[in-house]
Amino acid sequence: MKSVKNYNRIVVKVGSSVLTEGKTRIVGDNLGRIVKHVAELFSQKKEVVLVSSGAIACGLSHMGFEKRPSVLAELQAAAAIGQNILMHSYTREFGKYNMKCAQILLTRDDFYERKRYLNIKNTIFSLFRLGVVPIVNENDTVSIDEIKFGDNDMLSALVAMLIEADGLEILSDIEGLCRTYDKE
């Protein structure tokens, strides 16, 4: 097995619960720690894709919701509102390290159509060459399965396979998930 310090290409997935501590808003210190972690990896010349949840929480907070609604259309609206807020937060935090980031919104279907798959891959590798952190999130305004059934775990695995990552780091509060899994 390869040592983590020898990994050159890494996908880091951060779940909503890590960013929000179970609330309907992003906890700034948590987001700051995630960005610092990614910035440290980039400073070591690693190619890193950040797969981040949190758009729905940002939207709910912005709209004054105290708890998560059960109406799917409201969750989609919250995602649409919150994605801008989430990306603004990441842009501000990465700016502290003189780094740039880019948004890539995907659905699972994007990985099953060859042309779209290659476009995603080419975009990510172009961002690597430009020294920009790709931030991937599920496009919750058009893809409802993830809102109803899960988060970005599957998406992060698909991205890891797409870019032939050396490792996938899942930052989560899910019990029993406690190590970085690699492709070897």
N, C-alpha and C. Protein backbone atom coordinates (compact mmCIF):
# COMPACT_ATOMS: atom_id res chain seq x y z
N MET A 1 0.84 -1.17 0.00
CA MET A 1 0.00 0.00 0.00
C MET A 1 0.89 1.25 0.00
N LYS A 2 0.52 2.21 -0.79
CA LYS A 2 1.22 3.48 -0.90
C LYS A 2 1.04 4.29 0.38
N SER A 3 2.09 4.96 0.83
CA SER A 3 1.96 5.86 1.96
C SER A 3 1.18 7.10 1.53
N VAL A 4 0.32 7.61 2.43
CA VAL A 4 -0.50 8.76 2.10
C VAL A 4 0.36 9.93 1.64
N LYS A 5 1.53 10.10 2.23
CA LYS A 5 2.36 11.23 1.84
C LYS A 5 2.89 11.09 0.41
N ASN A 6 2.81 9.89 -0.16
CA ASN A 6 3.22 9.69 -1.55
C ASN A 6 2.07 9.83 -2.54
N TYR A 7 0.88 10.06 -2.03
CA TYR A 7 -0.26 10.27 -2.92
C TYR A 7 -0.08 11.58 -3.67
N ASN A 8 -0.35 11.56 -4.95
CA ASN A 8 -0.24 12.77 -5.76
C ASN A 8 -1.59 13.34 -6.12
N ARG A 9 -2.59 12.51 -6.20
CA ARG A 9 -3.93 12.95 -6.63
C ARG A 9 -4.94 12.42 -5.61
N ILE A 10 -5.66 13.36 -4.98
CA ILE A 10 -6.54 13.01 -3.87
C ILE A 10 -7.90 13.68 -4.05
N VAL A 11 -8.94 12.93 -3.71
CA VAL A 11 -10.28 13.50 -3.62
C VAL A 11 -10.60 13.61 -2.13
N VAL A 12 -10.97 14.80 -1.70
CA VAL A 12 -11.38 15.03 -0.32
C VAL A 12 -12.87 15.33 -0.34
N LYS A 13 -13.64 14.51 0.36
CA LYS A 13 -15.10 14.70 0.43
C LYS A 13 -15.45 15.17 1.83
N VAL A 14 -16.18 16.27 1.91
CA VAL A 14 -16.63 16.78 3.20
C VAL A 14 -18.15 16.79 3.22
N GLY A 15 -18.69 16.18 4.26
CA GLY A 15 -20.13 16.08 4.39
C GLY A 15 -20.75 17.30 5.04
N SER A 16 -22.04 17.46 4.83
CA SER A 16 -22.76 18.60 5.41
C SER A 16 -22.64 18.63 6.93
N SER A 17 -22.71 17.47 7.55
CA SER A 17 -22.68 17.44 9.01
C SER A 17 -21.35 17.96 9.56
N VAL A 18 -20.26 17.75 8.83
CA VAL A 18 -18.96 18.26 9.25
C VAL A 18 -18.95 19.79 9.13
N LEU A 19 -19.54 20.30 8.05
CA LEU A 19 -19.57 21.74 7.84
C LEU A 19 -20.59 22.45 8.72
N THR A 20 -21.67 21.78 9.09
CA THR A 20 -22.77 22.46 9.78
C THR A 20 -22.95 22.07 11.24
N GLU A 21 -22.32 20.99 11.67
CA GLU A 21 -22.52 20.45 13.02
C GLU A 21 -24.01 20.20 13.29
N GLY A 22 -24.73 19.80 12.24
CA GLY A 22 -26.14 19.46 12.37
C GLY A 22 -27.09 20.64 12.35
N LYS A 23 -26.59 21.82 12.08
CA LYS A 23 -27.44 23.01 12.04
C LYS A 23 -27.83 23.30 10.59
N THR A 24 -28.59 24.38 10.39
CA THR A 24 -28.95 24.78 9.03
C THR A 24 -28.05 25.92 8.56
N ARG A 25 -26.80 25.88 8.95
CA ARG A 25 -25.84 26.90 8.49
C ARG A 25 -24.44 26.30 8.54
N ILE A 26 -23.55 26.88 7.77
CA ILE A 26 -22.15 26.46 7.76
C ILE A 26 -21.45 27.06 8.98
N VAL A 27 -20.66 26.26 9.67
CA VAL A 27 -19.84 26.73 10.78
C VAL A 27 -18.51 27.18 10.18
N GLY A 28 -18.26 28.49 10.24
CA GLY A 28 -17.09 29.09 9.59
C GLY A 28 -15.77 28.44 9.96
N ASP A 29 -15.58 28.11 11.24
CA ASP A 29 -14.32 27.49 11.67
C ASP A 29 -14.12 26.13 11.01
N ASN A 30 -15.20 25.38 10.85
CA ASN A 30 -15.09 24.05 10.22
C ASN A 30 -14.71 24.20 8.76
N LEU A 31 -15.36 25.13 8.06
CA LEU A 31 -15.02 25.37 6.66
C LEU A 31 -13.57 25.83 6.55
N GLY A 32 -13.15 26.68 7.46
CA GLY A 32 -11.76 27.15 7.46
C GLY A 32 -10.75 26.03 7.63
N ARG A 33 -11.08 25.06 8.51
CA ARG A 33 -10.17 23.92 8.70
C ARG A 33 -10.09 23.04 7.46
N ILE A 34 -11.22 22.86 6.78
CA ILE A 34 -11.23 22.07 5.54
C ILE A 34 -10.35 22.75 4.50
N VAL A 35 -10.54 24.05 4.32
CA VAL A 35 -9.76 24.80 3.33
C VAL A 35 -8.27 24.76 3.68
N LYS A 36 -7.94 24.91 4.94
CA LYS A 36 -6.54 24.84 5.36
C LYS A 36 -5.94 23.48 5.01
N HIS A 37 -6.70 22.42 5.25
CA HIS A 37 -6.24 21.07 4.93
C HIS A 37 -5.95 20.93 3.44
N VAL A 38 -6.89 21.38 2.61
CA VAL A 38 -6.71 21.30 1.15
C VAL A 38 -5.55 22.19 0.72
N ALA A 39 -5.42 23.37 1.30
CA ALA A 39 -4.32 24.28 0.96
C ALA A 39 -2.97 23.65 1.30
N GLU A 40 -2.91 22.94 2.41
CA GLU A 40 -1.66 22.25 2.78
C GLU A 40 -1.31 21.16 1.78
N LEU A 41 -2.33 20.42 1.33
CA LEU A 41 -2.08 19.40 0.31
C LEU A 41 -1.59 20.04 -0.99
N PHE A 42 -2.23 21.14 -1.40
CA PHE A 42 -1.80 21.84 -2.61
C PHE A 42 -0.38 22.36 -2.47
N SER A 43 0.00 22.83 -1.28
CA SER A 43 1.36 23.35 -1.07
C SER A 43 2.40 22.24 -1.19
N GLN A 44 1.95 20.99 -1.04
CA GLN A 44 2.82 19.83 -1.21
C GLN A 44 2.78 19.31 -2.65
N LYS A 45 2.21 20.13 -3.54
CA LYS A 45 2.10 19.83 -4.98
C LYS A 45 1.17 18.65 -5.26
N LYS A 46 0.18 18.46 -4.41
CA LYS A 46 -0.83 17.43 -4.63
C LYS A 46 -1.94 17.99 -5.52
N GLU A 47 -2.53 17.16 -6.33
CA GLU A 47 -3.72 17.53 -7.09
C GLU A 47 -4.92 17.10 -6.27
N VAL A 48 -5.75 18.07 -5.89
CA VAL A 48 -6.85 17.79 -4.97
C VAL A 48 -8.16 18.26 -5.58
N VAL A 49 -9.16 17.38 -5.52
CA VAL A 49 -10.53 17.75 -5.83
C VAL A 49 -11.29 17.71 -4.52
N LEU A 50 -11.99 18.80 -4.22
CA LEU A 50 -12.81 18.86 -3.02
C LEU A 50 -14.26 18.60 -3.43
N VAL A 51 -14.86 17.55 -2.86
CA VAL A 51 -16.28 17.27 -3.08
C VAL A 51 -16.98 17.73 -1.81
N SER A 52 -17.80 18.76 -1.95
CA SER A 52 -18.37 19.40 -0.78
C SER A 52 -19.89 19.43 -0.81
N SER A 53 -20.47 18.98 0.27
CA SER A 53 -21.88 19.18 0.52
C SER A 53 -22.03 20.55 1.17
N GLY A 54 -23.26 20.92 1.49
CA GLY A 54 -23.47 22.14 2.25
C GLY A 54 -24.34 23.19 1.59
N ALA A 55 -24.65 23.04 0.31
CA ALA A 55 -25.44 24.07 -0.38
C ALA A 55 -26.84 24.19 0.23
N ILE A 56 -27.48 23.08 0.52
CA ILE A 56 -28.82 23.13 1.09
C ILE A 56 -28.79 23.84 2.44
N ALA A 57 -27.82 23.51 3.29
CA ALA A 57 -27.71 24.16 4.60
C ALA A 57 -27.51 25.66 4.45
N CYS A 58 -26.67 26.08 3.51
CA CYS A 58 -26.46 27.51 3.27
C CYS A 58 -27.75 28.19 2.85
N GLY A 59 -28.50 27.55 1.96
CA GLY A 59 -29.76 28.12 1.50
C GLY A 59 -30.80 28.19 2.60
N LEU A 60 -30.88 27.14 3.40
CA LEU A 60 -31.84 27.14 4.52
C LEU A 60 -31.52 28.26 5.50
N SER A 61 -30.25 28.43 5.80
CA SER A 61 -29.83 29.49 6.71
C SER A 61 -30.18 30.86 6.15
N HIS A 62 -29.88 31.06 4.89
CA HIS A 62 -30.14 32.35 4.23
C HIS A 62 -31.64 32.68 4.23
N MET A 63 -32.46 31.66 4.10
CA MET A 63 -33.91 31.86 4.06
C MET A 63 -34.56 31.85 5.45
N GLY A 64 -33.75 31.64 6.50
CA GLY A 64 -34.27 31.70 7.86
C GLY A 64 -34.92 30.43 8.37
N PHE A 65 -34.71 29.30 7.69
CA PHE A 65 -35.26 28.02 8.17
C PHE A 65 -34.50 27.57 9.41
N GLU A 66 -35.22 27.14 10.41
CA GLU A 66 -34.61 26.61 11.63
C GLU A 66 -34.38 25.11 11.51
N LYS A 67 -35.19 24.45 10.69
CA LYS A 67 -35.03 23.01 10.49
C LYS A 67 -35.21 22.69 9.01
N ARG A 68 -34.74 21.52 8.63
CA ARG A 68 -34.80 21.08 7.24
C ARG A 68 -36.24 20.76 6.84
N PRO A 69 -36.74 21.39 5.77
CA PRO A 69 -38.11 21.09 5.32
C PRO A 69 -38.18 19.70 4.69
N SER A 70 -39.39 19.18 4.60
CA SER A 70 -39.58 17.86 3.99
C SER A 70 -40.04 17.97 2.54
N VAL A 71 -40.42 19.14 2.11
CA VAL A 71 -40.90 19.34 0.74
C VAL A 71 -39.69 19.39 -0.21
N LEU A 72 -39.66 18.48 -1.17
CA LEU A 72 -38.52 18.36 -2.07
C LEU A 72 -38.22 19.66 -2.82
N ALA A 73 -39.25 20.33 -3.33
CA ALA A 73 -39.04 21.57 -4.08
C ALA A 73 -38.39 22.64 -3.21
N GLU A 74 -38.71 22.67 -1.92
CA GLU A 74 -38.08 23.63 -1.02
C GLU A 74 -36.60 23.29 -0.81
N LEU A 75 -36.28 22.01 -0.75
CA LEU A 75 -34.87 21.61 -0.63
C LEU A 75 -34.10 21.97 -1.89
N GLN A 76 -34.72 21.78 -3.04
CA GLN A 76 -34.07 22.16 -4.30
C GLN A 76 -33.88 23.68 -4.37
N ALA A 77 -34.86 24.43 -3.93
CA ALA A 77 -34.73 25.89 -3.90
C ALA A 77 -33.61 26.30 -2.94
N ALA A 78 -33.55 25.65 -1.80
CA ALA A 78 -32.47 25.94 -0.84
C ALA A 78 -31.11 25.65 -1.45
N ALA A 79 -31.01 24.56 -2.20
CA ALA A 79 -29.74 24.24 -2.87
C ALA A 79 -29.37 25.31 -3.89
N ALA A 80 -30.36 25.77 -4.65
CA ALA A 80 -30.10 26.80 -5.66
C ALA A 80 -29.64 28.10 -5.01
N ILE A 81 -30.27 28.46 -3.90
CA ILE A 81 -29.88 29.67 -3.17
C ILE A 81 -28.52 29.48 -2.51
N GLY A 82 -28.35 28.34 -1.88
CA GLY A 82 -27.16 28.10 -1.07
C GLY A 82 -25.89 27.81 -1.83
N GLN A 83 -25.97 27.33 -3.07
CA GLN A 83 -24.75 26.99 -3.81
C GLN A 83 -23.87 28.23 -4.00
N ASN A 84 -24.48 29.37 -4.30
CA ASN A 84 -23.71 30.61 -4.44
C ASN A 84 -23.05 31.01 -3.14
N ILE A 85 -23.79 30.88 -2.06
CA ILE A 85 -23.27 31.25 -0.74
C ILE A 85 -22.11 30.33 -0.37
N LEU A 86 -22.29 29.03 -0.60
CA LEU A 86 -21.23 28.06 -0.30
C LEU A 86 -19.97 28.37 -1.09
N MET A 87 -20.12 28.61 -2.39
CA MET A 87 -18.94 28.91 -3.22
C MET A 87 -18.30 30.23 -2.84
N HIS A 88 -19.09 31.21 -2.47
CA HIS A 88 -18.52 32.48 -2.00
C HIS A 88 -17.68 32.25 -0.75
N SER A 89 -18.19 31.41 0.14
CA SER A 89 -17.44 31.09 1.37
C SER A 89 -16.13 30.41 1.05
N TYR A 90 -16.17 29.44 0.13
CA TYR A 90 -14.92 28.76 -0.26
C TYR A 90 -13.96 29.73 -0.95
N THR A 91 -14.48 30.57 -1.82
CA THR A 91 -13.64 31.54 -2.53
C THR A 91 -12.93 32.45 -1.54
N ARG A 92 -13.67 32.94 -0.56
CA ARG A 92 -13.10 33.81 0.47
C ARG A 92 -12.02 33.08 1.27
N GLU A 93 -12.31 31.84 1.70
CA GLU A 93 -11.35 31.09 2.52
C GLU A 93 -10.10 30.72 1.73
N PHE A 94 -10.26 30.25 0.48
CA PHE A 94 -9.09 29.91 -0.32
C PHE A 94 -8.28 31.16 -0.65
N GLY A 95 -8.94 32.31 -0.77
CA GLY A 95 -8.25 33.57 -1.00
C GLY A 95 -7.25 33.90 0.09
N LYS A 96 -7.52 33.46 1.30
CA LYS A 96 -6.58 33.68 2.42
C LYS A 96 -5.25 33.00 2.17
N TYR A 97 -5.25 32.00 1.30
CA TYR A 97 -4.02 31.25 0.95
C TYR A 97 -3.55 31.61 -0.46
N ASN A 98 -4.10 32.69 -0.99
CA ASN A 98 -3.80 33.12 -2.37
C ASN A 98 -4.10 32.01 -3.38
N MET A 99 -5.20 31.33 -3.15
CA MET A 99 -5.61 30.24 -4.02
C MET A 99 -6.96 30.57 -4.64
N LYS A 100 -7.21 29.96 -5.78
CA LYS A 100 -8.49 30.10 -6.47
C LYS A 100 -9.21 28.75 -6.47
N CYS A 101 -10.53 28.81 -6.56
CA CYS A 101 -11.32 27.59 -6.63
C CYS A 101 -12.36 27.74 -7.73
N ALA A 102 -12.88 26.61 -8.18
CA ALA A 102 -13.87 26.58 -9.25
C ALA A 102 -14.99 25.63 -8.87
N GLN A 103 -16.19 25.97 -9.31
CA GLN A 103 -17.36 25.15 -9.03
C GLN A 103 -17.65 24.20 -10.19
N ILE A 104 -17.89 22.93 -9.86
CA ILE A 104 -18.34 21.95 -10.85
C ILE A 104 -19.56 21.25 -10.26
N LEU A 105 -20.72 21.48 -10.85
CA LEU A 105 -21.97 20.84 -10.41
C LEU A 105 -22.25 19.65 -11.30
N LEU A 106 -22.45 18.50 -10.69
CA LEU A 106 -22.62 17.26 -11.44
C LEU A 106 -23.82 16.47 -10.94
N THR A 107 -24.25 15.54 -11.76
CA THR A 107 -25.20 14.52 -11.36
C THR A 107 -24.58 13.16 -11.68
N ARG A 108 -25.13 12.14 -11.13
CA ARG A 108 -24.63 10.79 -11.40
C ARG A 108 -24.71 10.49 -12.90
N ASP A 109 -25.74 11.00 -13.57
CA ASP A 109 -25.91 10.76 -15.00
C ASP A 109 -24.74 11.29 -15.83
N ASP A 110 -24.06 12.32 -15.34
CA ASP A 110 -22.92 12.90 -16.08
C ASP A 110 -21.80 11.88 -16.28
N PHE A 111 -21.74 10.88 -15.42
CA PHE A 111 -20.68 9.88 -15.50
C PHE A 111 -21.01 8.74 -16.46
N TYR A 112 -22.26 8.67 -16.91
CA TYR A 112 -22.69 7.57 -17.77
C TYR A 112 -22.75 7.92 -19.25
N GLU A 113 -22.60 9.17 -19.56
CA GLU A 113 -22.58 9.60 -20.96
C GLU A 113 -21.15 9.99 -21.30
N ARG A 114 -20.55 9.29 -22.24
CA ARG A 114 -19.11 9.39 -22.52
C ARG A 114 -18.62 10.83 -22.76
N LYS A 115 -19.34 11.57 -23.56
CA LYS A 115 -18.90 12.93 -23.89
C LYS A 115 -18.88 13.81 -22.63
N ARG A 116 -19.94 13.72 -21.83
CA ARG A 116 -19.98 14.51 -20.59
C ARG A 116 -18.88 14.06 -19.62
N TYR A 117 -18.67 12.76 -19.53
CA TYR A 117 -17.63 12.19 -18.68
C TYR A 117 -16.25 12.76 -19.05
N LEU A 118 -15.95 12.76 -20.34
CA LEU A 118 -14.66 13.30 -20.79
C LEU A 118 -14.56 14.80 -20.58
N ASN A 119 -15.67 15.51 -20.75
CA ASN A 119 -15.66 16.95 -20.49
C ASN A 119 -15.35 17.26 -19.03
N ILE A 120 -15.93 16.49 -18.13
CA ILE A 120 -15.64 16.67 -16.70
C ILE A 120 -14.16 16.43 -16.43
N LYS A 121 -13.67 15.31 -16.94
CA LYS A 121 -12.26 14.94 -16.73
C LYS A 121 -11.33 16.03 -17.28
N ASN A 122 -11.59 16.48 -18.50
CA ASN A 122 -10.75 17.51 -19.10
C ASN A 122 -10.79 18.81 -18.31
N THR A 123 -11.96 19.16 -17.82
CA THR A 123 -12.08 20.38 -17.01
C THR A 123 -11.27 20.27 -15.73
N ILE A 124 -11.39 19.16 -15.04
CA ILE A 124 -10.65 18.98 -13.79
C ILE A 124 -9.15 19.04 -14.03
N PHE A 125 -8.67 18.36 -15.08
CA PHE A 125 -7.23 18.38 -15.33
C PHE A 125 -6.76 19.76 -15.78
N SER A 126 -7.60 20.50 -16.47
CA SER A 126 -7.25 21.89 -16.83
C SER A 126 -7.15 22.74 -15.57
N LEU A 127 -8.08 22.55 -14.63
CA LEU A 127 -8.01 23.29 -13.38
C LEU A 127 -6.74 22.94 -12.60
N PHE A 128 -6.37 21.67 -12.58
CA PHE A 128 -5.11 21.29 -11.94
C PHE A 128 -3.94 22.05 -12.55
N ARG A 129 -3.88 22.07 -13.89
CA ARG A 129 -2.77 22.77 -14.57
C ARG A 129 -2.75 24.26 -14.24
N LEU A 130 -3.92 24.83 -14.01
CA LEU A 130 -4.03 26.25 -13.70
C LEU A 130 -3.82 26.54 -12.21
N GLY A 131 -3.67 25.50 -11.41
CA GLY A 131 -3.48 25.68 -9.97
C GLY A 131 -4.75 26.08 -9.24
N VAL A 132 -5.88 25.66 -9.76
CA VAL A 132 -7.19 26.00 -9.19
C VAL A 132 -7.79 24.75 -8.54
N VAL A 133 -8.39 24.93 -7.37
CA VAL A 133 -9.02 23.81 -6.66
C VAL A 133 -10.41 23.56 -7.24
N PRO A 134 -10.65 22.39 -7.84
CA PRO A 134 -12.00 22.06 -8.28
C PRO A 134 -12.86 21.69 -7.08
N ILE A 135 -14.02 22.34 -6.96
CA ILE A 135 -14.96 22.00 -5.90
C ILE A 135 -16.19 21.42 -6.58
N VAL A 136 -16.45 20.15 -6.30
CA VAL A 136 -17.55 19.42 -6.92
C VAL A 136 -18.69 19.29 -5.92
N ASN A 137 -19.90 19.45 -6.42
CA ASN A 137 -21.09 19.22 -5.61
C ASN A 137 -22.15 18.63 -6.51
N GLU A 138 -23.04 17.87 -5.90
CA GLU A 138 -24.19 17.33 -6.63
C GLU A 138 -25.07 18.49 -7.05
N ASN A 139 -25.56 18.46 -8.26
CA ASN A 139 -26.47 19.49 -8.74
C ASN A 139 -27.88 19.16 -8.24
N ASP A 140 -28.14 19.57 -7.01
CA ASP A 140 -29.38 19.20 -6.33
C ASP A 140 -30.63 19.83 -6.94
N THR A 141 -30.47 20.83 -7.77
CA THR A 141 -31.67 21.43 -8.38
C THR A 141 -32.23 20.56 -9.49
N VAL A 142 -31.42 19.65 -10.04
CA VAL A 142 -31.90 18.76 -11.09
C VAL A 142 -31.86 17.29 -10.71
N SER A 143 -31.09 16.94 -9.70
CA SER A 143 -30.95 15.55 -9.28
C SER A 143 -31.56 15.39 -7.90
N ILE A 144 -32.66 14.67 -7.81
CA ILE A 144 -33.36 14.58 -6.53
C ILE A 144 -33.00 13.35 -5.71
N ASP A 145 -32.40 12.34 -6.32
CA ASP A 145 -32.10 11.12 -5.57
C ASP A 145 -31.20 11.39 -4.38
N GLU A 146 -30.18 12.22 -4.57
CA GLU A 146 -29.24 12.47 -3.49
C GLU A 146 -29.88 13.28 -2.37
N ILE A 147 -30.78 14.17 -2.70
CA ILE A 147 -31.49 14.93 -1.67
C ILE A 147 -32.32 13.96 -0.82
N LYS A 148 -32.98 13.01 -1.48
CA LYS A 148 -33.87 12.10 -0.77
C LYS A 148 -33.11 10.99 -0.05
N PHE A 149 -32.01 10.52 -0.62
CA PHE A 149 -31.40 9.30 -0.09
C PHE A 149 -29.97 9.44 0.44
N GLY A 150 -29.29 10.54 0.21
CA GLY A 150 -27.91 10.53 0.66
C GLY A 150 -27.20 11.83 0.46
N ASP A 151 -25.93 11.71 0.21
CA ASP A 151 -25.10 12.89 0.08
C ASP A 151 -24.10 12.67 -1.04
N ASN A 152 -22.94 13.21 -0.92
CA ASN A 152 -21.95 13.18 -1.99
C ASN A 152 -20.95 12.02 -1.89
N ASP A 153 -21.20 11.03 -1.05
CA ASP A 153 -20.25 9.92 -0.93
C ASP A 153 -20.05 9.19 -2.27
N MET A 154 -21.15 8.84 -2.92
CA MET A 154 -21.05 8.14 -4.20
C MET A 154 -20.41 9.05 -5.25
N LEU A 155 -20.77 10.31 -5.25
CA LEU A 155 -20.19 11.26 -6.19
C LEU A 155 -18.68 11.35 -6.00
N SER A 156 -18.22 11.38 -4.77
CA SER A 156 -16.77 11.47 -4.52
C SER A 156 -16.06 10.21 -5.03
N ALA A 157 -16.69 9.06 -4.89
CA ALA A 157 -16.09 7.81 -5.41
C ALA A 157 -16.02 7.85 -6.93
N LEU A 158 -17.08 8.35 -7.58
CA LEU A 158 -17.07 8.45 -9.04
C LEU A 158 -16.00 9.43 -9.52
N VAL A 159 -15.84 10.55 -8.81
CA VAL A 159 -14.80 11.52 -9.17
C VAL A 159 -13.42 10.90 -8.97
N ALA A 160 -13.24 10.16 -7.89
CA ALA A 160 -11.95 9.50 -7.63
C ALA A 160 -11.59 8.54 -8.76
N MET A 161 -12.57 7.79 -9.23
CA MET A 161 -12.31 6.88 -10.35
C MET A 161 -12.04 7.66 -11.64
N LEU A 162 -12.79 8.71 -11.86
CA LEU A 162 -12.64 9.53 -13.06
C LEU A 162 -11.22 10.08 -13.20
N ILE A 163 -10.67 10.59 -12.12
CA ILE A 163 -9.35 11.22 -12.20
C ILE A 163 -8.22 10.26 -11.83
N GLU A 164 -8.59 8.99 -11.59
CA GLU A 164 -7.62 7.97 -11.19
C GLU A 164 -6.83 8.43 -9.97
N ALA A 165 -7.59 8.81 -8.94
CA ALA A 165 -7.01 9.31 -7.70
C ALA A 165 -6.24 8.22 -6.98
N ASP A 166 -5.21 8.64 -6.26
CA ASP A 166 -4.46 7.73 -5.41
C ASP A 166 -5.20 7.46 -4.11
N GLY A 167 -6.05 8.40 -3.71
CA GLY A 167 -6.78 8.24 -2.45
C GLY A 167 -8.06 9.03 -2.43
N LEU A 168 -8.97 8.57 -1.59
CA LEU A 168 -10.24 9.24 -1.35
C LEU A 168 -10.36 9.42 0.16
N GLU A 169 -10.40 10.67 0.58
CA GLU A 169 -10.49 11.00 1.99
C GLU A 169 -11.91 11.49 2.26
N ILE A 170 -12.66 10.76 3.08
CA ILE A 170 -14.03 11.12 3.38
C ILE A 170 -14.07 11.68 4.80
N LEU A 171 -14.38 12.97 4.90
CA LEU A 171 -14.47 13.63 6.19
C LEU A 171 -15.95 13.64 6.58
N SER A 172 -16.27 12.82 7.58
CA SER A 172 -17.67 12.60 7.93
C SER A 172 -17.78 12.33 9.41
N ASP A 173 -18.99 12.45 9.93
CA ASP A 173 -19.23 12.07 11.32
C ASP A 173 -19.97 10.73 11.41
N ILE A 174 -20.01 10.00 10.29
CA ILE A 174 -20.68 8.71 10.27
C ILE A 174 -19.84 7.70 11.06
N GLU A 175 -20.46 7.04 12.02
CA GLU A 175 -19.73 6.07 12.84
C GLU A 175 -19.21 4.93 11.98
N GLY A 176 -17.98 4.48 12.31
CA GLY A 176 -17.37 3.35 11.63
C GLY A 176 -16.55 3.75 10.42
N LEU A 177 -16.64 4.98 10.00
CA LEU A 177 -15.87 5.45 8.85
C LEU A 177 -14.68 6.20 9.41
N CYS A 178 -13.50 5.58 9.34
CA CYS A 178 -12.39 6.17 10.09
C CYS A 178 -11.06 6.13 9.37
N ARG A 179 -11.02 5.85 8.09
CA ARG A 179 -9.72 5.83 7.42
C ARG A 179 -9.86 6.27 5.98
N THR A 180 -8.73 6.59 5.40
CA THR A 180 -8.69 6.95 3.99
C THR A 180 -8.54 5.68 3.19
N TYR A 181 -9.38 5.53 2.17
CA TYR A 181 -9.33 4.35 1.31
C TYR A 181 -8.60 4.70 0.03
N ASP A 182 -7.73 3.81 -0.41
CA ASP A 182 -7.00 4.08 -1.64
C ASP A 182 -7.29 3.01 -2.68
N LYS A 183 -6.77 3.22 -3.89
CA LYS A 183 -7.11 2.34 -5.00
C LYS A 183 -6.28 1.07 -5.06
N GLU A 184 -5.34 0.91 -4.16
CA GLU A 184 -4.51 -0.30 -4.20
C GLU A 184 -5.10 -1.42 -3.38
